[in-house]
Amino acid sequence: MTTDNLFIEQKIISAVREVLTGKINEMLRDVPCSVPPVEFGEYMGRSAVVPKIVISSCERTEKERIIRLDAYTLTVTFTLPETPESEKFCYIYSGAVSKAI
């Protein structure tokens, strides 16, 4: 992996973090029930949700190799504490991410 690829991956992760803490949190404020906001840091309990963002290189097609286009897989994981609202929160976060992207 080259330095350029690491820089690109960092930029992608940074952009995803901005979307999660910006646009997603705006959407969560409009939900009729109280949903913990998305934050990054050392949060414990129910005050906020800290998603895990994982980026990895994908297999490229022949065309992508010829034009030197990189392909990535991006996974965002929300880990929620077991509560009666957990399933509802999963759907809310999933819907918000789908709309934002």
PDB file of N, CA and C in Angstrom:
ATOM      1  N   MET A   1       0.841  -1.162   0.000  1.00  0.00           N
ATOM      2  CA  MET A   1       0.000   0.000   0.000  1.00  0.00           C
ATOM      3  C   MET A   1       0.896   1.238   0.000  1.00  0.00           C
ATOM      4  N   THR A   2       0.588   2.155  -0.890  1.00  0.00           N
ATOM      5  CA  THR A   2       1.420   3.344  -1.016  1.00  0.00           C
ATOM      6  C   THR A   2       0.951   4.437  -0.070  1.00  0.00           C
ATOM      7  N   THR A   3       1.787   5.451   0.056  1.00  0.00           N
ATOM      8  CA  THR A   3       1.440   6.600   0.890  1.00  0.00           C
ATOM      9  C   THR A   3       0.217   7.312   0.335  1.00  0.00           C
ATOM     10  N   ASP A   4       0.111   7.370  -1.008  1.00  0.00           N
ATOM     11  CA  ASP A   4      -1.056   8.006  -1.628  1.00  0.00           C
ATOM     12  C   ASP A   4      -2.344   7.294  -1.244  1.00  0.00           C
ATOM     13  N   ASN A   5      -2.315   5.955  -1.226  1.00  0.00           N
ATOM     14  CA  ASN A   5      -3.500   5.191  -0.844  1.00  0.00           C
ATOM     15  C   ASN A   5      -3.884   5.461   0.602  1.00  0.00           C
ATOM     16  N   LEU A   6      -2.902   5.538   1.493  1.00  0.00           N
ATOM     17  CA  LEU A   6      -3.199   5.836   2.898  1.00  0.00           C
ATOM     18  C   LEU A   6      -3.828   7.216   3.039  1.00  0.00           C
ATOM     19  N   PHE A   7      -3.319   8.163   2.269  1.00  0.00           N
ATOM     20  CA  PHE A   7      -3.873   9.519   2.305  1.00  0.00           C
ATOM     21  C   PHE A   7      -5.319   9.508   1.821  1.00  0.00           C
ATOM     22  N   ILE A   8      -5.588   8.798   0.735  1.00  0.00           N
ATOM     23  CA  ILE A   8      -6.946   8.701   0.196  1.00  0.00           C
ATOM     24  C   ILE A   8      -7.877   8.040   1.205  1.00  0.00           C
ATOM     25  N   GLU A   9      -7.420   6.958   1.826  1.00  0.00           N
ATOM     26  CA  GLU A   9      -8.240   6.270   2.820  1.00  0.00           C
ATOM     27  C   GLU A   9      -8.546   7.177   4.010  1.00  0.00           C
ATOM     28  N   GLN A  10      -7.567   7.944   4.462  1.00  0.00           N
ATOM     29  CA  GLN A  10      -7.795   8.879   5.563  1.00  0.00           C
ATOM     30  C   GLN A  10      -8.811   9.946   5.176  1.00  0.00           C
ATOM     31  N   LYS A  11      -8.739  10.437   3.941  1.00  0.00           N
ATOM     32  CA  LYS A  11      -9.698  11.439   3.466  1.00  0.00           C
ATOM     33  C   LYS A  11     -11.113  10.857   3.407  1.00  0.00           C
ATOM     34  N   ILE A  12     -11.229   9.612   2.955  1.00  0.00           N
ATOM     35  CA  ILE A  12     -12.545   8.968   2.885  1.00  0.00           C
ATOM     36  C   ILE A  12     -13.122   8.811   4.288  1.00  0.00           C
ATOM     37  N   ILE A  13     -12.315   8.312   5.224  1.00  0.00           N
ATOM     38  CA  ILE A  13     -12.785   8.119   6.605  1.00  0.00           C
ATOM     39  C   ILE A  13     -13.171   9.457   7.224  1.00  0.00           C
ATOM     40  N   SER A  14     -12.385  10.483   6.980  1.00  0.00           N
ATOM     41  CA  SER A  14     -12.691  11.812   7.499  1.00  0.00           C
ATOM     42  C   SER A  14     -14.019  12.331   6.943  1.00  0.00           C
ATOM     43  N   ALA A  15     -14.246  12.134   5.657  1.00  0.00           N
ATOM     44  CA  ALA A  15     -15.502  12.579   5.041  1.00  0.00           C
ATOM     45  C   ALA A  15     -16.697  11.815   5.610  1.00  0.00           C
ATOM     46  N   VAL A  16     -16.535  10.517   5.832  1.00  0.00           N
ATOM     47  CA  VAL A  16     -17.622   9.716   6.406  1.00  0.00           C
ATOM     48  C   VAL A  16     -17.909  10.176   7.831  1.00  0.00           C
ATOM     49  N   ARG A  17     -16.875  10.464   8.594  1.00  0.00           N
ATOM     50  CA  ARG A  17     -17.082  10.979   9.955  1.00  0.00           C
ATOM     51  C   ARG A  17     -17.870  12.283   9.940  1.00  0.00           C
ATOM     52  N   GLU A  18     -17.545  13.164   8.998  1.00  0.00           N
ATOM     53  CA  GLU A  18     -18.263  14.438   8.886  1.00  0.00           C
ATOM     54  C   GLU A  18     -19.734  14.209   8.567  1.00  0.00           C
ATOM     55  N   VAL A  19     -20.022  13.279   7.666  1.00  0.00           N
ATOM     56  CA  VAL A  19     -21.414  12.975   7.329  1.00  0.00           C
ATOM     57  C   VAL A  19     -22.136  12.417   8.548  1.00  0.00           C
ATOM     58  N   LEU A  20     -21.487  11.502   9.267  1.00  0.00           N
ATOM     59  CA  LEU A  20     -22.121  10.877  10.434  1.00  0.00           C
ATOM     60  C   LEU A  20     -22.402  11.887  11.542  1.00  0.00           C
ATOM     61  N   THR A  21     -21.443  12.743  11.842  1.00  0.00           N
ATOM     62  CA  THR A  21     -21.647  13.694  12.941  1.00  0.00           C
ATOM     63  C   THR A  21     -22.411  14.937  12.505  1.00  0.00           C
ATOM     64  N   GLY A  22     -22.508  15.162  11.215  1.00  0.00           N
ATOM     65  CA  GLY A  22     -23.228  16.329  10.716  1.00  0.00           C
ATOM     66  C   GLY A  22     -24.632  15.982  10.267  1.00  0.00           C
ATOM     67  N   LYS A  23     -24.728  15.482   9.053  1.00  0.00           N
ATOM     68  CA  LYS A  23     -26.028  15.224   8.441  1.00  0.00           C
ATOM     69  C   LYS A  23     -26.842  14.171   9.184  1.00  0.00           C
ATOM     70  N   ILE A  24     -26.190  13.098   9.622  1.00  0.00           N
ATOM     71  CA  ILE A  24     -26.911  12.034  10.338  1.00  0.00           C
ATOM     72  C   ILE A  24     -27.483  12.577  11.650  1.00  0.00           C
ATOM     73  N   ASN A  25     -26.669  13.314  12.401  1.00  0.00           N
ATOM     74  CA  ASN A  25     -27.163  13.868  13.663  1.00  0.00           C
ATOM     75  C   ASN A  25     -28.316  14.848  13.434  1.00  0.00           C
ATOM     76  N   GLU A  26     -28.282  15.592  12.322  1.00  0.00           N
ATOM     77  CA  GLU A  26     -29.412  16.473  11.998  1.00  0.00           C
ATOM     78  C   GLU A  26     -30.675  15.653  11.778  1.00  0.00           C
ATOM     79  N   MET A  27     -30.545  14.544  11.069  1.00  0.00           N
ATOM     80  CA  MET A  27     -31.700  13.673  10.830  1.00  0.00           C
ATOM     81  C   MET A  27     -32.216  13.071  12.129  1.00  0.00           C
ATOM     82  N   LEU A  28     -31.290  12.690  13.009  1.00  0.00           N
ATOM     83  CA  LEU A  28     -31.700  12.068  14.277  1.00  0.00           C
ATOM     84  C   LEU A  28     -32.467  13.050  15.157  1.00  0.00           C
ATOM     85  N   ARG A  29     -32.167  14.340  15.051  1.00  0.00           N
ATOM     86  CA  ARG A  29     -32.889  15.339  15.839  1.00  0.00           C
ATOM     87  C   ARG A  29     -34.345  15.437  15.413  1.00  0.00           C
ATOM     88  N   ASP A  30     -34.645  15.097  14.159  1.00  0.00           N
ATOM     89  CA  ASP A  30     -36.013  15.179  13.641  1.00  0.00           C
ATOM     90  C   ASP A  30     -36.855  13.956  13.961  1.00  0.00           C
ATOM     91  N   VAL A  31     -36.231  12.907  14.505  1.00  0.00           N
ATOM     92  CA  VAL A  31     -36.964  11.692  14.863  1.00  0.00           C
ATOM     93  C   VAL A  31     -37.795  11.980  16.117  1.00  0.00           C
ATOM     94  N   PRO A  32     -39.064  11.544  16.139  1.00  0.00           N
ATOM     95  CA  PRO A  32     -39.932  11.850  17.282  1.00  0.00           C
ATOM     96  C   PRO A  32     -39.458  11.301  18.632  1.00  0.00           C
ATOM     97  N   CYS A  33     -38.689  10.218  18.634  1.00  0.00           N
ATOM     98  CA  CYS A  33     -38.203   9.679  19.907  1.00  0.00           C
ATOM     99  C   CYS A  33     -36.761  10.141  20.143  1.00  0.00           C
ATOM    100  N   SER A  34     -36.278   9.955  21.336  1.00  0.00           N
ATOM    101  CA  SER A  34     -34.928  10.373  21.706  1.00  0.00           C
ATOM    102  C   SER A  34     -33.917   9.312  21.270  1.00  0.00           C
ATOM    103  N   VAL A  35     -33.080   9.672  20.294  1.00  0.00           N
ATOM    104  CA  VAL A  35     -32.070   8.756  19.755  1.00  0.00           C
ATOM    105  C   VAL A  35     -30.695   9.327  20.085  1.00  0.00           C
ATOM    106  N   PRO A  36     -29.795   8.516  20.656  1.00  0.00           N
ATOM    107  CA  PRO A  36     -28.450   9.020  20.968  1.00  0.00           C
ATOM    108  C   PRO A  36     -27.736   9.500  19.709  1.00  0.00           C
ATOM    109  N   PRO A  37     -27.067  10.653  19.775  1.00  0.00           N
ATOM    110  CA  PRO A  37     -26.360  11.168  18.601  1.00  0.00           C
ATOM    111  C   PRO A  37     -25.102  10.356  18.299  1.00  0.00           C
ATOM    112  N   VAL A  38     -24.590  10.540  17.096  1.00  0.00           N
ATOM    113  CA  VAL A  38     -23.348   9.902  16.674  1.00  0.00           C
ATOM    114  C   VAL A  38     -22.203  10.826  17.051  1.00  0.00           C
ATOM    115  N   GLU A  39     -21.238  10.306  17.775  1.00  0.00           N
ATOM    116  CA  GLU A  39     -20.061  11.070  18.190  1.00  0.00           C
ATOM    117  C   GLU A  39     -18.835  10.189  18.052  1.00  0.00           C
ATOM    118  N   PHE A  40     -17.684  10.816  18.066  1.00  0.00           N
ATOM    119  CA  PHE A  40     -16.426  10.074  18.063  1.00  0.00           C
ATOM    120  C   PHE A  40     -15.644  10.499  19.284  1.00  0.00           C
ATOM    121  N   GLY A  41     -15.204   9.532  20.070  1.00  0.00           N
ATOM    122  CA  GLY A  41     -14.485   9.799  21.306  1.00  0.00           C
ATOM    123  C   GLY A  41     -14.726   8.663  22.283  1.00  0.00           C
ATOM    124  N   GLU A  42     -14.496   8.933  23.536  1.00  0.00           N
ATOM    125  CA  GLU A  42     -14.625   7.920  24.590  1.00  0.00           C
ATOM    126  C   GLU A  42     -15.967   8.071  25.305  1.00  0.00           C
ATOM    127  N   TYR A  43     -17.046   7.640  24.672  1.00  0.00           N
ATOM    128  CA  TYR A  43     -18.361   7.725  25.288  1.00  0.00           C
ATOM    129  C   TYR A  43     -18.743   6.361  25.837  1.00  0.00           C
ATOM    130  N   MET A  44     -19.312   6.352  27.008  1.00  0.00           N
ATOM    131  CA  MET A  44     -19.785   5.120  27.623  1.00  0.00           C
ATOM    132  C   MET A  44     -21.264   5.308  27.941  1.00  0.00           C
ATOM    133  N   GLY A  45     -22.002   4.241  27.863  1.00  0.00           N
ATOM    134  CA  GLY A  45     -23.414   4.311  28.209  1.00  0.00           C
ATOM    135  C   GLY A  45     -24.261   4.749  27.032  1.00  0.00           C
ATOM    136  N   ARG A  46     -25.355   5.433  27.339  1.00  0.00           N
ATOM    137  CA  ARG A  46     -26.327   5.786  26.316  1.00  0.00           C
ATOM    138  C   ARG A  46     -26.219   7.224  25.831  1.00  0.00           C
ATOM    139  N   SER A  47     -25.256   7.988  26.263  1.00  0.00           N
ATOM    140  CA  SER A  47     -25.209   9.394  25.895  1.00  0.00           C
ATOM    141  C   SER A  47     -24.908   9.620  24.426  1.00  0.00           C
ATOM    142  N   ALA A  48     -24.205   8.710  23.778  1.00  0.00           N
ATOM    143  CA  ALA A  48     -23.875   8.823  22.354  1.00  0.00           C
ATOM    144  C   ALA A  48     -23.501   7.453  21.809  1.00  0.00           C
ATOM    145  N   VAL A  49     -23.524   7.343  20.497  1.00  0.00           N
ATOM    146  CA  VAL A  49     -23.121   6.112  19.824  1.00  0.00           C
ATOM    147  C   VAL A  49     -21.846   6.411  19.048  1.00  0.00           C
ATOM    148  N   VAL A  50     -20.848   5.552  19.207  1.00  0.00           N
ATOM    149  CA  VAL A  50     -19.569   5.717  18.520  1.00  0.00           C
ATOM    150  C   VAL A  50     -19.449   4.616  17.473  1.00  0.00           C
ATOM    151  N   PRO A  51     -19.674   4.953  16.194  1.00  0.00           N
ATOM    152  CA  PRO A  51     -19.590   3.928  15.160  1.00  0.00           C
ATOM    153  C   PRO A  51     -18.148   3.576  14.828  1.00  0.00           C
ATOM    154  N   LYS A  52     -17.982   2.391  14.309  1.00  0.00           N
ATOM    155  CA  LYS A  52     -16.665   1.945  13.857  1.00  0.00           C
ATOM    156  C   LYS A  52     -16.665   2.011  12.332  1.00  0.00           C
ATOM    157  N   ILE A  53     -15.669   2.668  11.769  1.00  0.00           N
ATOM    158  CA  ILE A  53     -15.554   2.807  10.318  1.00  0.00           C
ATOM    159  C   ILE A  53     -14.352   1.992   9.867  1.00  0.00           C
ATOM    160  N   VAL A  54     -14.584   1.068   8.941  1.00  0.00           N
ATOM    161  CA  VAL A  54     -13.515   0.221   8.418  1.00  0.00           C
ATOM    162  C   VAL A  54     -13.496   0.373   6.904  1.00  0.00           C
ATOM    163  N   ILE A  55     -12.327   0.640   6.364  1.00  0.00           N
ATOM    164  CA  ILE A  55     -12.162   0.761   4.922  1.00  0.00           C
ATOM    165  C   ILE A  55     -11.107  -0.240   4.482  1.00  0.00           C
ATOM    166  N   SER A  56     -11.381  -0.904   3.369  1.00  0.00           N
ATOM    167  CA  SER A  56     -10.400  -1.853   2.850  1.00  0.00           C
ATOM    168  C   SER A  56     -10.424  -1.821   1.329  1.00  0.00           C
ATOM    169  N   SER A  57      -9.319  -2.195   0.741  1.00  0.00           N
ATOM    170  CA  SER A  57      -9.218  -2.223  -0.719  1.00  0.00           C
ATOM    171  C   SER A  57     -10.040  -3.374  -1.267  1.00  0.00           C
ATOM    172  N   CYS A  58     -10.608  -3.162  -2.424  1.00  0.00           N
ATOM    173  CA  CYS A  58     -11.400  -4.191  -3.105  1.00  0.00           C
ATOM    174  C   CYS A  58     -10.634  -4.721  -4.299  1.00  0.00           C
ATOM    175  N   GLU A  59     -11.108  -5.841  -4.760  1.00  0.00           N
ATOM    176  CA  GLU A  59     -10.567  -6.367  -6.009  1.00  0.00           C
ATOM    177  C   GLU A  59     -11.020  -5.440  -7.134  1.00  0.00           C
ATOM    178  N   ARG A  60     -10.091  -5.102  -8.010  1.00  0.00           N
ATOM    179  CA  ARG A  60     -10.398  -4.185  -9.095  1.00  0.00           C
ATOM    180  C   ARG A  60     -10.625  -4.943 -10.393  1.00  0.00           C
ATOM    181  N   THR A  61     -11.460  -4.366 -11.235  1.00  0.00           N
ATOM    182  CA  THR A  61     -11.669  -4.937 -12.565  1.00  0.00           C
ATOM    183  C   THR A  61     -10.471  -4.601 -13.439  1.00  0.00           C
ATOM    184  N   GLU A  62     -10.404  -5.231 -14.595  1.00  0.00           N
ATOM    185  CA  GLU A  62      -9.301  -4.962 -15.520  1.00  0.00           C
ATOM    186  C   GLU A  62      -9.299  -3.492 -15.949  1.00  0.00           C
ATOM    187  N   LYS A  63     -10.477  -2.947 -16.188  1.00  0.00           N
ATOM    188  CA  LYS A  63     -10.590  -1.531 -16.582  1.00  0.00           C
ATOM    189  C   LYS A  63     -10.064  -0.627 -15.471  1.00  0.00           C
ATOM    190  N   GLU A  64     -10.429  -0.926 -14.215  1.00  0.00           N
ATOM    191  CA  GLU A  64      -9.950  -0.114 -13.086  1.00  0.00           C
ATOM    192  C   GLU A  64      -8.435  -0.201 -12.955  1.00  0.00           C
ATOM    193  N   ARG A  65      -7.869  -1.362 -13.243  1.00  0.00           N
ATOM    194  CA  ARG A  65      -6.416  -1.512 -13.185  1.00  0.00           C
ATOM    195  C   ARG A  65      -5.737  -0.701 -14.283  1.00  0.00           C
ATOM    196  N   ILE A  66      -6.312  -0.719 -15.478  1.00  0.00           N
ATOM    197  CA  ILE A  66      -5.720   0.002 -16.610  1.00  0.00           C
ATOM    198  C   ILE A  66      -5.718   1.506 -16.353  1.00  0.00           C
ATOM    199  N   ILE A  67      -6.827   2.037 -15.861  1.00  0.00           N
ATOM    200  CA  ILE A  67      -6.881   3.481 -15.618  1.00  0.00           C
ATOM    201  C   ILE A  67      -6.427   3.852 -14.197  1.00  0.00           C
ATOM    202  N   ARG A  68      -5.931   2.848 -13.494  1.00  0.00           N
ATOM    203  CA  ARG A  68      -5.390   3.028 -12.141  1.00  0.00           C
ATOM    204  C   ARG A  68      -6.400   3.666 -11.183  1.00  0.00           C
ATOM    205  N   LEU A  69      -7.581   3.111 -11.185  1.00  0.00           N
ATOM    206  CA  LEU A  69      -8.641   3.556 -10.304  1.00  0.00           C
ATOM    207  C   LEU A  69      -8.709   2.611  -9.112  1.00  0.00           C
ATOM    208  N   ASP A  70      -8.617   3.150  -7.909  1.00  0.00           N
ATOM    209  CA  ASP A  70      -8.693   2.326  -6.706  1.00  0.00           C
ATOM    210  C   ASP A  70     -10.150   2.080  -6.334  1.00  0.00           C
ATOM    211  N   ALA A  71     -10.423   0.927  -5.768  1.00  0.00           N
ATOM    212  CA  ALA A  71     -11.760   0.564  -5.319  1.00  0.00           C
ATOM    213  C   ALA A  71     -11.685   0.191  -3.840  1.00  0.00           C
ATOM    214  N   TYR A  72     -12.667   0.627  -3.064  1.00  0.00           N
ATOM    215  CA  TYR A  72     -12.676   0.392  -1.627  1.00  0.00           C
ATOM    216  C   TYR A  72     -14.024  -0.133  -1.174  1.00  0.00           C
ATOM    217  N   THR A  73     -14.005  -0.867  -0.081  1.00  0.00           N
ATOM    218  CA  THR A  73     -15.205  -1.280   0.629  1.00  0.00           C
ATOM    219  C   THR A  73     -15.220  -0.515   1.940  1.00  0.00           C
ATOM    220  N   LEU A  74     -16.347   0.088   2.236  1.00  0.00           N
ATOM    221  CA  LEU A  74     -16.491   0.870   3.458  1.00  0.00           C
ATOM    222  C   LEU A  74     -17.583   0.243   4.309  1.00  0.00           C
ATOM    223  N   THR A  75     -17.265  -0.028   5.576  1.00  0.00           N
ATOM    224  CA  THR A  75     -18.230  -0.608   6.504  1.00  0.00           C
ATOM    225  C   THR A  75     -18.358   0.305   7.716  1.00  0.00           C
ATOM    226  N   VAL A  76     -19.595   0.654   8.048  1.00  0.00           N
ATOM    227  CA  VAL A  76     -19.873   1.449   9.240  1.00  0.00           C
ATOM    228  C   VAL A  76     -20.690   0.567  10.180  1.00  0.00           C
ATOM    229  N   THR A  77     -20.175   0.357  11.388  1.00  0.00           N
ATOM    230  CA  THR A  77     -20.834  -0.512  12.361  1.00  0.00           C
ATOM    231  C   THR A  77     -21.253   0.295  13.583  1.00  0.00           C
ATOM    232  N   PHE A  78     -22.516   0.196  13.935  1.00  0.00           N
ATOM    233  CA  PHE A  78     -23.040   0.837  15.134  1.00  0.00           C
ATOM    234  C   PHE A  78     -23.222  -0.232  16.198  1.00  0.00           C
ATOM    235  N   THR A  79     -22.526  -0.119  17.307  1.00  0.00           N
ATOM    236  CA  THR A  79     -22.673  -1.058  18.415  1.00  0.00           C
ATOM    237  C   THR A  79     -23.547  -0.395  19.478  1.00  0.00           C
ATOM    238  N   LEU A  80     -24.671  -1.013  19.751  1.00  0.00           N
ATOM    239  CA  LEU A  80     -25.634  -0.446  20.693  1.00  0.00           C
ATOM    240  C   LEU A  80     -25.768  -1.338  21.915  1.00  0.00           C
ATOM    241  N   PRO A  81     -25.981  -0.745  23.089  1.00  0.00           N
ATOM    242  CA  PRO A  81     -26.216  -1.566  24.280  1.00  0.00           C
ATOM    243  C   PRO A  81     -27.571  -2.273  24.168  1.00  0.00           C
ATOM    244  N   GLU A  82     -27.679  -3.420  24.795  1.00  0.00           N
ATOM    245  CA  GLU A  82     -28.934  -4.174  24.781  1.00  0.00           C
ATOM    246  C   GLU A  82     -29.972  -3.447  25.626  1.00  0.00           C
ATOM    247  N   THR A  83     -30.931  -2.855  24.960  1.00  0.00           N
ATOM    248  CA  THR A  83     -32.045  -2.186  25.623  1.00  0.00           C
ATOM    249  C   THR A  83     -33.310  -2.516  24.839  1.00  0.00           C
ATOM    250  N   PRO A  84     -34.472  -2.213  25.396  1.00  0.00           N
ATOM    251  CA  PRO A  84     -35.709  -2.458  24.632  1.00  0.00           C
ATOM    252  C   PRO A  84     -35.769  -1.653  23.324  1.00  0.00           C
ATOM    253  N   GLU A  85     -35.061  -0.522  23.260  1.00  0.00           N
ATOM    254  CA  GLU A  85     -35.091   0.336  22.067  1.00  0.00           C
ATOM    255  C   GLU A  85     -34.016  -0.016  21.041  1.00  0.00           C
ATOM    256  N   SER A  86     -33.130  -0.934  21.331  1.00  0.00           N
ATOM    257  CA  SER A  86     -31.980  -1.217  20.474  1.00  0.00           C
ATOM    258  C   SER A  86     -32.367  -1.534  19.032  1.00  0.00           C
ATOM    259  N   GLU A  87     -33.353  -2.391  18.849  1.00  0.00           N
ATOM    260  CA  GLU A  87     -33.751  -2.766  17.494  1.00  0.00           C
ATOM    261  C   GLU A  87     -34.294  -1.553  16.737  1.00  0.00           C
ATOM    262  N   LYS A  88     -35.099  -0.761  17.408  1.00  0.00           N
ATOM    263  CA  LYS A  88     -35.644   0.447  16.781  1.00  0.00           C
ATOM    264  C   LYS A  88     -34.510   1.393  16.397  1.00  0.00           C
ATOM    265  N   PHE A  89     -33.524   1.567  17.279  1.00  0.00           N
ATOM    266  CA  PHE A  89     -32.381   2.441  16.989  1.00  0.00           C
ATOM    267  C   PHE A  89     -31.583   1.932  15.793  1.00  0.00           C
ATOM    268  N   CYS A  90     -31.438   0.608  15.665  1.00  0.00           N
ATOM    269  CA  CYS A  90     -30.723   0.041  14.511  1.00  0.00           C
ATOM    270  C   CYS A  90     -31.391   0.464  13.216  1.00  0.00           C
ATOM    271  N   TYR A  91     -32.716   0.373  13.166  1.00  0.00           N
ATOM    272  CA  TYR A  91     -33.442   0.779  11.968  1.00  0.00           C
ATOM    273  C   TYR A  91     -33.321   2.279  11.725  1.00  0.00           C
ATOM    274  N   ILE A  92     -33.350   3.065  12.780  1.00  0.00           N
ATOM    275  CA  ILE A  92     -33.239   4.516  12.636  1.00  0.00           C
ATOM    276  C   ILE A  92     -31.869   4.902  12.089  1.00  0.00           C
ATOM    277  N   TYR A  93     -30.797   4.337  12.673  1.00  0.00           N
ATOM    278  CA  TYR A  93     -29.445   4.652  12.191  1.00  0.00           C
ATOM    279  C   TYR A  93     -29.259   4.171  10.750  1.00  0.00           C
ATOM    280  N   SER A  94     -29.727   2.970  10.452  1.00  0.00           N
ATOM    281  CA  SER A  94     -29.596   2.417   9.113  1.00  0.00           C
ATOM    282  C   SER A  94     -30.340   3.295   8.089  1.00  0.00           C
ATOM    283  N   GLY A  95     -31.529   3.697   8.422  1.00  0.00           N
ATOM    284  CA  GLY A  95     -32.298   4.562   7.521  1.00  0.00           C
ATOM    285  C   GLY A  95     -31.638   5.912   7.314  1.00  0.00           C
ATOM    286  N   ALA A  96     -31.102   6.476   8.380  1.00  0.00           N
ATOM    287  CA  ALA A  96     -30.444   7.790   8.278  1.00  0.00           C
ATOM    288  C   ALA A  96     -29.188   7.695   7.398  1.00  0.00           C
ATOM    289  N   VAL A  97     -28.395   6.639   7.583  1.00  0.00           N
ATOM    290  CA  VAL A  97     -27.186   6.465   6.765  1.00  0.00           C
ATOM    291  C   VAL A  97     -27.570   6.266   5.309  1.00  0.00           C
ATOM    292  N   SER A  98     -28.615   5.476   5.047  1.00  0.00           N
ATOM    293  CA  SER A  98     -29.059   5.249   3.670  1.00  0.00           C
ATOM    294  C   SER A  98     -29.487   6.551   3.003  1.00  0.00           C
ATOM    295  N   LYS A  99     -30.224   7.377   3.724  1.00  0.00           N
ATOM    296  CA  LYS A  99     -30.666   8.657   3.170  1.00  0.00           C
ATOM    297  C   LYS A  99     -29.500   9.608   2.942  1.00  0.00           C
ATOM    298  N   ALA A 100     -28.558   9.611   3.869  1.00  0.00           N
ATOM    299  CA  ALA A 100     -27.420  10.543   3.778  1.00  0.00           C
ATOM    300  C   ALA A 100     -26.497  10.198   2.626  1.00  0.00           C
ATOM    301  N   ILE A 101     -26.374   8.912   2.337  1.00  0.00           N
ATOM    302  CA  ILE A 101     -25.450   8.501   1.285  1.00  0.00           C
ATOM    303  C   ILE A 101     -26.169   8.499  -0.038  1.00  0.00           C
TER     304      ILE A 101
END
